Amino acid sequence: MPDVAGPRDASVGSAGGYARRVMAERARQLAARGQAPADDAGRRAAVILDVGGQIYAIDLHHVLRMAEPAWSVMPRRPDCPVSVRGVYGYVGHLYTVIDLSVLLGGAPMDRAGAMALLRPVAGLPVARIALLAGRTLGVDDVVGAPAAAPVSAHPMAALPDGRLVAVLDPARLFAARQFGV
């Protein structure tokens, strides 16, 4: 079947350019491991995603690769949730492509602008997952949220400019869900 892809998000540039920036940031972090000054304690790099106008963060440690949103539509099993859009092949592995908007309780996205391939998480019902988002806002440091942060289903963190974002943890997102394509 043909691949289905959303339009390219002009704010991100080419997928290769964005992937290179993410990998350069990851290399910088690995090189600086153990050398962080005390005031950087608690900071961690995260990919910042816009999903239906809401901003979320996924720890860079969980992200294997950012890619153009493309997937193959496959026949769906009756027990397959609405959030599953299809599969994506990368380096000999099939990733289940999931609409993050639906997973978070919103409406399905008409057009996705970014796709995050996540590292496998032990114990999840699906070994390899790709999340669709509206667009990426780059890689930024996040810190734990202030004590006055609102209670959320996901832990909160603050961006350097003070905005609060929900931090998505793949193990928490998928632990109790069943998936099938």
N, C-alpha and C. Protein backbone atom coordinates (compact mmCIF):
# COMPACT_ATOMS: atom_id res chain seq x y z
N MET A 1 0.84 -1.18 0.00
CA MET A 1 0.00 0.00 0.00
C MET A 1 0.88 1.24 0.00
N PRO A 2 0.40 2.35 -0.48
CA PRO A 2 1.23 3.55 -0.55
C PRO A 2 1.42 4.17 0.82
N ASP A 3 2.52 4.89 0.96
CA ASP A 3 2.78 5.61 2.19
C ASP A 3 1.86 6.82 2.26
N VAL A 4 1.44 7.17 3.47
CA VAL A 4 0.63 8.36 3.69
C VAL A 4 1.50 9.32 4.46
N ALA A 5 1.60 10.54 4.01
CA ALA A 5 2.45 11.50 4.70
C ALA A 5 1.76 12.83 4.80
N GLY A 6 1.99 13.50 5.92
CA GLY A 6 1.47 14.86 6.09
C GLY A 6 2.43 15.84 5.45
N PRO A 7 2.03 17.09 5.34
CA PRO A 7 2.90 18.09 4.73
C PRO A 7 4.07 18.42 5.63
N ARG A 8 5.11 18.88 5.02
CA ARG A 8 6.30 19.26 5.76
C ARG A 8 6.02 20.52 6.56
N ASP A 9 6.46 20.55 7.82
CA ASP A 9 6.27 21.71 8.69
C ASP A 9 7.38 22.70 8.40
N ALA A 10 7.04 23.85 7.87
CA ALA A 10 8.05 24.83 7.46
C ALA A 10 8.86 25.35 8.64
N SER A 11 8.30 25.33 9.85
CA SER A 11 9.05 25.84 11.00
C SER A 11 10.17 24.90 11.41
N VAL A 12 10.13 23.66 10.97
CA VAL A 12 11.15 22.69 11.35
C VAL A 12 12.25 22.60 10.31
N GLY A 13 11.95 22.84 9.05
CA GLY A 13 12.93 22.67 8.00
C GLY A 13 12.93 21.22 7.56
N SER A 14 13.99 20.80 6.93
CA SER A 14 14.03 19.43 6.45
C SER A 14 14.16 18.46 7.61
N ALA A 15 13.65 17.26 7.40
CA ALA A 15 13.72 16.23 8.44
C ALA A 15 15.18 15.91 8.76
N GLY A 16 16.01 15.86 7.72
CA GLY A 16 17.42 15.57 7.94
C GLY A 16 18.09 16.63 8.79
N GLY A 17 17.74 17.89 8.57
CA GLY A 17 18.31 18.98 9.35
C GLY A 17 17.89 18.91 10.80
N TYR A 18 16.63 18.61 11.03
CA TYR A 18 16.14 18.50 12.41
C TYR A 18 16.79 17.31 13.10
N ALA A 19 16.87 16.18 12.41
CA ALA A 19 17.49 15.00 12.99
C ALA A 19 18.95 15.27 13.33
N ARG A 20 19.64 16.00 12.46
CA ARG A 20 21.04 16.34 12.76
C ARG A 20 21.15 17.22 13.99
N ARG A 21 20.22 18.18 14.16
CA ARG A 21 20.26 19.04 15.35
C ARG A 21 20.00 18.23 16.63
N VAL A 22 19.05 17.29 16.56
CA VAL A 22 18.77 16.46 17.73
C VAL A 22 19.99 15.61 18.06
N MET A 23 20.60 15.00 17.04
CA MET A 23 21.78 14.16 17.29
C MET A 23 22.97 14.99 17.79
N ALA A 24 23.14 16.21 17.29
CA ALA A 24 24.22 17.07 17.78
C ALA A 24 23.99 17.43 19.24
N GLU A 25 22.74 17.70 19.61
CA GLU A 25 22.43 18.01 21.01
C GLU A 25 22.70 16.79 21.89
N ARG A 26 22.32 15.62 21.41
CA ARG A 26 22.56 14.39 22.17
C ARG A 26 24.06 14.15 22.33
N ALA A 27 24.84 14.37 21.28
CA ALA A 27 26.29 14.21 21.36
C ALA A 27 26.89 15.20 22.37
N ARG A 28 26.39 16.44 22.37
CA ARG A 28 26.87 17.45 23.32
C ARG A 28 26.59 17.00 24.75
N GLN A 29 25.40 16.45 24.98
CA GLN A 29 25.04 16.00 26.31
C GLN A 29 25.89 14.82 26.76
N LEU A 30 26.11 13.88 25.86
CA LEU A 30 26.94 12.73 26.22
C LEU A 30 28.38 13.16 26.52
N ALA A 31 28.89 14.12 25.75
CA ALA A 31 30.25 14.60 25.99
C ALA A 31 30.36 15.33 27.32
N ALA A 32 29.28 15.98 27.73
CA ALA A 32 29.30 16.76 28.98
C ALA A 32 28.86 15.94 30.19
N ARG A 33 28.54 14.68 30.00
CA ARG A 33 28.07 13.83 31.10
C ARG A 33 29.08 13.86 32.25
N GLY A 34 28.60 14.11 33.43
CA GLY A 34 29.45 14.14 34.61
C GLY A 34 30.17 15.47 34.80
N GLN A 35 30.02 16.41 33.89
CA GLN A 35 30.69 17.69 34.00
C GLN A 35 29.72 18.83 34.27
N ALA A 36 28.45 18.51 34.52
CA ALA A 36 27.44 19.56 34.70
C ALA A 36 27.65 20.29 36.02
N PRO A 37 27.63 21.62 36.00
CA PRO A 37 27.74 22.37 37.24
C PRO A 37 26.49 22.16 38.10
N ALA A 38 26.57 22.48 39.37
CA ALA A 38 25.49 22.24 40.32
C ALA A 38 24.19 22.94 39.91
N ASP A 39 24.28 24.13 39.28
CA ASP A 39 23.05 24.83 38.92
C ASP A 39 22.31 24.17 37.76
N ASP A 40 22.96 23.23 37.07
CA ASP A 40 22.29 22.50 36.00
C ASP A 40 21.69 21.19 36.49
N ALA A 41 21.85 20.90 37.79
CA ALA A 41 21.30 19.66 38.33
C ALA A 41 19.78 19.68 38.16
N GLY A 42 19.22 18.57 37.74
CA GLY A 42 17.78 18.48 37.54
C GLY A 42 17.33 18.89 36.15
N ARG A 43 18.21 19.47 35.35
CA ARG A 43 17.87 19.83 33.98
C ARG A 43 18.07 18.61 33.10
N ARG A 44 17.18 18.45 32.13
CA ARG A 44 17.36 17.38 31.17
C ARG A 44 16.84 17.86 29.82
N ALA A 45 17.47 17.39 28.78
CA ALA A 45 17.06 17.80 27.44
C ALA A 45 15.82 17.01 27.03
N ALA A 46 14.93 17.68 26.33
CA ALA A 46 13.69 17.05 25.89
C ALA A 46 13.32 17.57 24.51
N VAL A 47 12.68 16.73 23.73
CA VAL A 47 12.10 17.15 22.46
C VAL A 47 10.76 17.79 22.81
N ILE A 48 10.53 19.01 22.34
CA ILE A 48 9.31 19.74 22.63
C ILE A 48 8.36 19.58 21.45
N LEU A 49 7.15 19.09 21.73
CA LEU A 49 6.16 18.81 20.69
C LEU A 49 4.91 19.65 20.90
N ASP A 50 4.33 20.10 19.80
CA ASP A 50 3.05 20.78 19.82
C ASP A 50 2.01 19.78 19.33
N VAL A 51 1.02 19.50 20.17
CA VAL A 51 -0.04 18.55 19.83
C VAL A 51 -1.37 19.26 20.06
N GLY A 52 -2.01 19.65 18.99
CA GLY A 52 -3.30 20.31 19.09
C GLY A 52 -3.26 21.61 19.89
N GLY A 53 -2.16 22.35 19.77
CA GLY A 53 -2.03 23.62 20.48
C GLY A 53 -1.49 23.49 21.89
N GLN A 54 -1.35 22.28 22.39
CA GLN A 54 -0.75 22.05 23.71
C GLN A 54 0.71 21.65 23.52
N ILE A 55 1.54 22.06 24.46
CA ILE A 55 2.97 21.76 24.36
C ILE A 55 3.32 20.64 25.33
N TYR A 56 4.04 19.64 24.81
CA TYR A 56 4.48 18.50 25.60
C TYR A 56 5.98 18.31 25.40
N ALA A 57 6.60 17.61 26.35
CA ALA A 57 8.02 17.30 26.25
C ALA A 57 8.20 15.80 26.41
N ILE A 58 9.14 15.25 25.64
CA ILE A 58 9.55 13.87 25.80
C ILE A 58 11.05 13.89 26.02
N ASP A 59 11.48 13.30 27.11
CA ASP A 59 12.90 13.25 27.44
C ASP A 59 13.68 12.73 26.24
N LEU A 60 14.76 13.42 25.90
CA LEU A 60 15.56 13.06 24.72
C LEU A 60 16.07 11.63 24.81
N HIS A 61 16.23 11.14 26.02
CA HIS A 61 16.67 9.75 26.22
C HIS A 61 15.70 8.75 25.59
N HIS A 62 14.41 9.07 25.55
CA HIS A 62 13.40 8.16 25.00
C HIS A 62 13.29 8.23 23.49
N VAL A 63 13.85 9.26 22.86
CA VAL A 63 13.69 9.48 21.42
C VAL A 63 14.88 8.90 20.67
N LEU A 64 14.58 7.94 19.79
CA LEU A 64 15.62 7.35 18.96
C LEU A 64 15.92 8.24 17.76
N ARG A 65 14.84 8.75 17.14
CA ARG A 65 15.02 9.53 15.91
C ARG A 65 13.76 10.34 15.64
N MET A 66 13.94 11.52 15.09
CA MET A 66 12.82 12.31 14.57
C MET A 66 12.77 12.06 13.07
N ALA A 67 11.57 11.91 12.53
CA ALA A 67 11.44 11.59 11.10
C ALA A 67 10.25 12.35 10.51
N GLU A 68 10.24 12.39 9.18
CA GLU A 68 9.07 12.91 8.48
C GLU A 68 7.89 12.01 8.82
N PRO A 69 6.71 12.58 9.00
CA PRO A 69 5.55 11.74 9.31
C PRO A 69 5.09 10.96 8.07
N ALA A 70 5.47 9.71 8.01
CA ALA A 70 5.09 8.82 6.90
C ALA A 70 4.84 7.44 7.48
N TRP A 71 3.83 6.77 6.98
CA TRP A 71 3.54 5.45 7.47
C TRP A 71 2.75 4.70 6.42
N SER A 72 2.70 3.39 6.57
CA SER A 72 1.92 2.54 5.68
C SER A 72 0.62 2.19 6.40
N VAL A 73 -0.48 2.40 5.72
CA VAL A 73 -1.77 2.04 6.28
C VAL A 73 -1.95 0.55 6.07
N MET A 74 -2.39 -0.13 7.11
CA MET A 74 -2.57 -1.58 7.03
C MET A 74 -4.00 -1.92 7.45
N PRO A 75 -4.49 -3.09 7.05
CA PRO A 75 -5.82 -3.51 7.53
C PRO A 75 -5.82 -3.52 9.05
N ARG A 76 -6.89 -3.03 9.64
CA ARG A 76 -6.97 -2.91 11.09
C ARG A 76 -7.75 -4.09 11.68
N ARG A 77 -7.23 -4.58 12.79
CA ARG A 77 -7.96 -5.58 13.55
C ARG A 77 -9.10 -4.88 14.29
N PRO A 78 -10.17 -5.59 14.62
CA PRO A 78 -11.30 -4.96 15.31
C PRO A 78 -10.92 -4.39 16.67
N ASP A 79 -9.91 -4.95 17.32
CA ASP A 79 -9.53 -4.47 18.66
C ASP A 79 -8.46 -3.37 18.60
N CYS A 80 -8.15 -2.90 17.41
CA CYS A 80 -7.12 -1.87 17.24
C CYS A 80 -7.66 -0.50 17.63
N PRO A 81 -7.00 0.21 18.54
CA PRO A 81 -7.50 1.53 18.96
C PRO A 81 -7.43 2.56 17.83
N VAL A 82 -8.25 3.59 17.93
CA VAL A 82 -8.31 4.66 16.93
C VAL A 82 -6.98 5.39 16.82
N SER A 83 -6.21 5.43 17.89
CA SER A 83 -4.94 6.16 17.88
C SER A 83 -3.90 5.54 16.96
N VAL A 84 -4.03 4.26 16.62
CA VAL A 84 -3.06 3.58 15.76
C VAL A 84 -3.36 3.95 14.31
N ARG A 85 -2.35 4.55 13.65
CA ARG A 85 -2.53 5.00 12.26
C ARG A 85 -1.95 4.04 11.24
N GLY A 86 -1.01 3.17 11.66
CA GLY A 86 -0.38 2.24 10.73
C GLY A 86 0.98 1.83 11.24
N VAL A 87 1.88 1.50 10.30
CA VAL A 87 3.23 1.08 10.66
C VAL A 87 4.26 1.86 9.83
N TYR A 88 5.47 1.91 10.37
CA TYR A 88 6.58 2.59 9.71
C TYR A 88 7.81 1.69 9.84
N GLY A 89 8.49 1.46 8.74
CA GLY A 89 9.70 0.64 8.77
C GLY A 89 10.94 1.49 8.89
N TYR A 90 11.81 1.13 9.84
CA TYR A 90 13.07 1.84 10.03
C TYR A 90 14.14 0.84 10.45
N VAL A 91 15.20 0.74 9.69
CA VAL A 91 16.35 -0.12 9.95
C VAL A 91 15.92 -1.56 10.27
N GLY A 92 15.02 -2.08 9.46
CA GLY A 92 14.61 -3.46 9.61
C GLY A 92 13.60 -3.72 10.71
N HIS A 93 13.09 -2.69 11.34
CA HIS A 93 12.10 -2.86 12.41
C HIS A 93 10.81 -2.14 12.02
N LEU A 94 9.68 -2.71 12.43
CA LEU A 94 8.39 -2.06 12.21
C LEU A 94 7.98 -1.32 13.48
N TYR A 95 7.60 -0.07 13.31
CA TYR A 95 7.11 0.77 14.41
C TYR A 95 5.62 0.96 14.26
N THR A 96 4.87 0.82 15.34
CA THR A 96 3.46 1.13 15.33
C THR A 96 3.32 2.64 15.42
N VAL A 97 2.68 3.26 14.44
CA VAL A 97 2.53 4.72 14.38
C VAL A 97 1.25 5.10 15.12
N ILE A 98 1.41 5.96 16.12
CA ILE A 98 0.30 6.33 17.00
C ILE A 98 0.09 7.84 16.96
N ASP A 99 -1.15 8.25 16.80
CA ASP A 99 -1.55 9.65 16.82
C ASP A 99 -1.56 10.11 18.27
N LEU A 100 -0.60 10.94 18.64
CA LEU A 100 -0.46 11.39 20.02
C LEU A 100 -1.67 12.20 20.47
N SER A 101 -2.29 12.92 19.56
CA SER A 101 -3.47 13.71 19.90
C SER A 101 -4.60 12.82 20.43
N VAL A 102 -4.86 11.71 19.75
CA VAL A 102 -5.90 10.78 20.17
C VAL A 102 -5.50 10.11 21.48
N LEU A 103 -4.24 9.74 21.59
CA LEU A 103 -3.75 9.09 22.79
C LEU A 103 -3.93 9.97 24.02
N LEU A 104 -3.84 11.29 23.83
CA LEU A 104 -3.98 12.23 24.94
C LEU A 104 -5.42 12.71 25.13
N GLY A 105 -6.36 12.10 24.39
CA GLY A 105 -7.77 12.41 24.58
C GLY A 105 -8.35 13.43 23.62
N GLY A 106 -7.60 13.81 22.60
CA GLY A 106 -8.08 14.78 21.62
C GLY A 106 -8.61 14.12 20.35
N ALA A 107 -8.90 14.95 19.39
CA ALA A 107 -9.38 14.48 18.08
C ALA A 107 -8.19 14.04 17.23
N PRO A 108 -8.43 13.13 16.28
CA PRO A 108 -7.33 12.73 15.37
C PRO A 108 -6.81 13.94 14.59
N MET A 109 -5.50 13.95 14.36
CA MET A 109 -4.88 15.03 13.60
C MET A 109 -5.18 14.84 12.12
N ASP A 110 -5.52 15.96 11.45
CA ASP A 110 -5.69 15.91 10.00
C ASP A 110 -4.35 15.75 9.32
N ARG A 111 -3.38 16.52 9.81
CA ARG A 111 -2.03 16.48 9.24
C ARG A 111 -1.01 16.51 10.36
N ALA A 112 -0.12 15.56 10.34
CA ALA A 112 0.97 15.52 11.30
C ALA A 112 2.18 16.21 10.69
N GLY A 113 2.94 16.91 11.50
CA GLY A 113 4.13 17.60 11.02
C GLY A 113 5.42 16.99 11.53
N ALA A 114 5.32 16.04 12.46
CA ALA A 114 6.53 15.43 13.03
C ALA A 114 6.20 14.02 13.51
N MET A 115 7.23 13.18 13.51
CA MET A 115 7.08 11.82 14.01
C MET A 115 8.33 11.48 14.82
N ALA A 116 8.10 11.05 16.07
CA ALA A 116 9.21 10.68 16.96
C ALA A 116 9.24 9.16 17.09
N LEU A 117 10.35 8.56 16.70
CA LEU A 117 10.55 7.12 16.90
C LEU A 117 11.13 6.95 18.28
N LEU A 118 10.44 6.19 19.11
CA LEU A 118 10.87 6.02 20.50
C LEU A 118 11.74 4.79 20.65
N ARG A 119 12.64 4.85 21.63
CA ARG A 119 13.45 3.69 21.96
C ARG A 119 12.53 2.64 22.59
N PRO A 120 12.83 1.35 22.37
CA PRO A 120 11.99 0.31 22.97
C PRO A 120 11.99 0.41 24.50
N VAL A 121 10.84 0.16 25.10
CA VAL A 121 10.68 0.16 26.55
C VAL A 121 10.26 -1.24 26.96
N ALA A 122 11.03 -1.85 27.84
CA ALA A 122 10.73 -3.21 28.28
C ALA A 122 9.37 -3.27 28.95
N GLY A 123 8.65 -4.34 28.66
CA GLY A 123 7.38 -4.58 29.32
C GLY A 123 6.17 -3.95 28.65
N LEU A 124 6.36 -3.19 27.59
CA LEU A 124 5.21 -2.58 26.91
C LEU A 124 4.60 -3.57 25.94
N PRO A 125 3.28 -3.45 25.68
CA PRO A 125 2.63 -4.38 24.76
C PRO A 125 3.10 -4.23 23.31
N VAL A 126 3.66 -3.08 22.95
CA VAL A 126 4.20 -2.85 21.62
C VAL A 126 5.67 -2.51 21.79
N ALA A 127 6.54 -3.23 21.08
CA ALA A 127 7.98 -3.05 21.27
C ALA A 127 8.49 -1.73 20.68
N ARG A 128 8.01 -1.34 19.52
CA ARG A 128 8.52 -0.15 18.84
C ARG A 128 7.36 0.77 18.50
N ILE A 129 7.50 2.03 18.93
CA ILE A 129 6.42 3.00 18.79
C ILE A 129 6.94 4.26 18.12
N ALA A 130 6.13 4.80 17.20
CA ALA A 130 6.39 6.11 16.59
C ALA A 130 5.19 7.00 16.93
N LEU A 131 5.45 8.17 17.48
CA LEU A 131 4.39 9.10 17.87
C LEU A 131 4.27 10.23 16.85
N LEU A 132 3.03 10.49 16.41
CA LEU A 132 2.77 11.61 15.51
C LEU A 132 2.41 12.84 16.34
N ALA A 133 2.98 13.97 15.98
CA ALA A 133 2.67 15.24 16.63
C ALA A 133 2.38 16.28 15.55
N GLY A 134 1.78 17.39 15.95
CA GLY A 134 1.49 18.46 15.01
C GLY A 134 2.76 19.07 14.45
N ARG A 135 3.71 19.35 15.35
CA ARG A 135 5.01 19.87 14.93
C ARG A 135 5.97 19.80 16.11
N THR A 136 7.24 19.95 15.81
CA THR A 136 8.25 19.99 16.88
C THR A 136 8.66 21.44 17.07
N LEU A 137 9.00 21.74 18.30
CA LEU A 137 9.48 23.08 18.63
C LEU A 137 10.96 23.04 18.99
N GLY A 138 11.61 21.92 18.72
CA GLY A 138 13.05 21.80 18.95
C GLY A 138 13.38 20.99 20.18
N VAL A 139 14.62 21.10 20.60
CA VAL A 139 15.13 20.44 21.80
C VAL A 139 15.43 21.54 22.80
N ASP A 140 14.97 21.36 24.02
CA ASP A 140 15.20 22.38 25.05
C ASP A 140 15.40 21.68 26.38
N ASP A 141 16.03 22.37 27.32
CA ASP A 141 16.18 21.85 28.67
C ASP A 141 14.90 22.06 29.44
N VAL A 142 14.51 21.06 30.22
CA VAL A 142 13.36 21.20 31.10
C VAL A 142 13.84 20.93 32.52
N VAL A 143 13.18 21.55 33.48
CA VAL A 143 13.48 21.33 34.89
C VAL A 143 12.18 20.97 35.59
N GLY A 144 12.28 20.37 36.75
CA GLY A 144 11.09 20.02 37.51
C GLY A 144 10.20 21.23 37.70
N ALA A 145 8.90 20.99 37.74
CA ALA A 145 7.94 22.09 37.88
C ALA A 145 7.97 22.66 39.29
N PRO A 146 7.63 23.94 39.41
CA PRO A 146 7.54 24.53 40.74
C PRO A 146 6.42 23.86 41.54
N ALA A 147 6.48 24.00 42.87
CA ALA A 147 5.51 23.36 43.75
C ALA A 147 4.08 23.78 43.45
N ALA A 148 3.88 24.97 42.91
CA ALA A 148 2.53 25.47 42.65
C ALA A 148 1.98 25.00 41.29
N ALA A 149 2.66 24.07 40.64
CA ALA A 149 2.21 23.60 39.33
C ALA A 149 0.88 22.86 39.47
N PRO A 150 0.01 23.00 38.47
CA PRO A 150 -1.28 22.30 38.54
C PRO A 150 -1.09 20.79 38.48
N VAL A 151 -2.00 20.07 39.09
CA VAL A 151 -1.94 18.61 39.06
C VAL A 151 -2.33 18.14 37.67
N SER A 152 -1.58 17.18 37.14
CA SER A 152 -1.80 16.69 35.79
C SER A 152 -1.65 15.18 35.78
N ALA A 153 -2.16 14.55 34.72
CA ALA A 153 -1.98 13.11 34.57
C ALA A 153 -0.52 12.78 34.26
N HIS A 154 0.23 13.77 33.80
CA HIS A 154 1.64 13.59 33.47
C HIS A 154 2.45 14.56 34.33
N PRO A 155 3.68 14.17 34.68
CA PRO A 155 4.52 15.09 35.45
C PRO A 155 4.74 16.39 34.68
N MET A 156 4.83 17.47 35.40
CA MET A 156 5.03 18.78 34.78
C MET A 156 6.49 19.18 34.90
N ALA A 157 6.94 19.99 33.95
CA ALA A 157 8.29 20.54 33.96
C ALA A 157 8.21 21.95 33.41
N ALA A 158 9.25 22.72 33.64
CA ALA A 158 9.29 24.10 33.17
C ALA A 158 10.36 24.24 32.10
N LEU A 159 10.03 25.00 31.06
CA LEU A 159 11.01 25.35 30.03
C LEU A 159 11.83 26.53 30.54
N PRO A 160 12.96 26.83 29.91
CA PRO A 160 13.78 27.97 30.35
C PRO A 160 13.02 29.30 30.39
N ASP A 161 12.00 29.45 29.52
CA ASP A 161 11.24 30.71 29.52
C ASP A 161 10.13 30.73 30.58
N GLY A 162 10.03 29.67 31.39
CA GLY A 162 9.06 29.63 32.47
C GLY A 162 7.75 28.92 32.14
N ARG A 163 7.48 28.62 30.87
CA ARG A 163 6.25 27.91 30.52
C ARG A 163 6.28 26.50 31.10
N LEU A 164 5.12 26.03 31.55
CA LEU A 164 5.00 24.68 32.05
C LEU A 164 4.57 23.75 30.92
N VAL A 165 5.15 22.56 30.90
CA VAL A 165 4.80 21.55 29.91
C VAL A 165 4.61 20.21 30.62
N ALA A 166 3.75 19.39 30.06
CA ALA A 166 3.59 18.03 30.56
C ALA A 166 4.70 17.17 29.94
N VAL A 167 5.34 16.37 30.77
CA VAL A 167 6.41 15.49 30.30
C VAL A 167 5.82 14.11 30.08
N LEU A 168 5.88 13.64 28.84
CA LEU A 168 5.31 12.35 28.48
C LEU A 168 6.34 11.25 28.68
N ASP A 169 5.98 10.25 29.43
CA ASP A 169 6.83 9.10 29.68
C ASP A 169 6.23 7.91 28.94
N PRO A 170 6.96 7.32 27.98
CA PRO A 170 6.39 6.21 27.20
C PRO A 170 5.87 5.06 28.07
N ALA A 171 6.57 4.71 29.12
CA ALA A 171 6.11 3.61 29.97
C ALA A 171 4.76 3.95 30.58
N ARG A 172 4.57 5.17 31.00
CA ARG A 172 3.31 5.59 31.60
C ARG A 172 2.20 5.69 30.54
N LEU A 173 2.53 6.18 29.35
CA LEU A 173 1.54 6.32 28.28
C LEU A 173 0.98 4.99 27.80
N PHE A 174 1.82 3.96 27.74
CA PHE A 174 1.42 2.73 27.08
C PHE A 174 1.29 1.51 27.99
N ALA A 175 1.59 1.62 29.26
CA ALA A 175 1.62 0.45 30.12
C ALA A 175 0.30 -0.31 30.18
N ALA A 176 -0.82 0.38 30.21
CA ALA A 176 -2.11 -0.29 30.38
C ALA A 176 -2.91 -0.39 29.08
N ARG A 177 -2.31 -0.07 27.96
CA ARG A 177 -3.05 -0.07 26.69
C ARG A 177 -2.70 -1.29 25.85
N GLN A 178 -3.68 -1.76 25.10
CA GLN A 178 -3.47 -2.87 24.17
C GLN A 178 -3.45 -2.31 22.75
N PHE A 179 -2.55 -2.79 21.93
CA PHE A 179 -2.44 -2.31 20.56
C PHE A 179 -2.37 -3.49 19.61
N GLY A 180 -2.88 -3.26 18.42
CA GLY A 180 -2.78 -4.27 17.38
C GLY A 180 -3.07 -3.62 16.05
N VAL A 181 -2.38 -4.01 15.02
CA VAL A 181 -2.59 -3.43 13.69
C VAL A 181 -3.15 -4.49 12.79
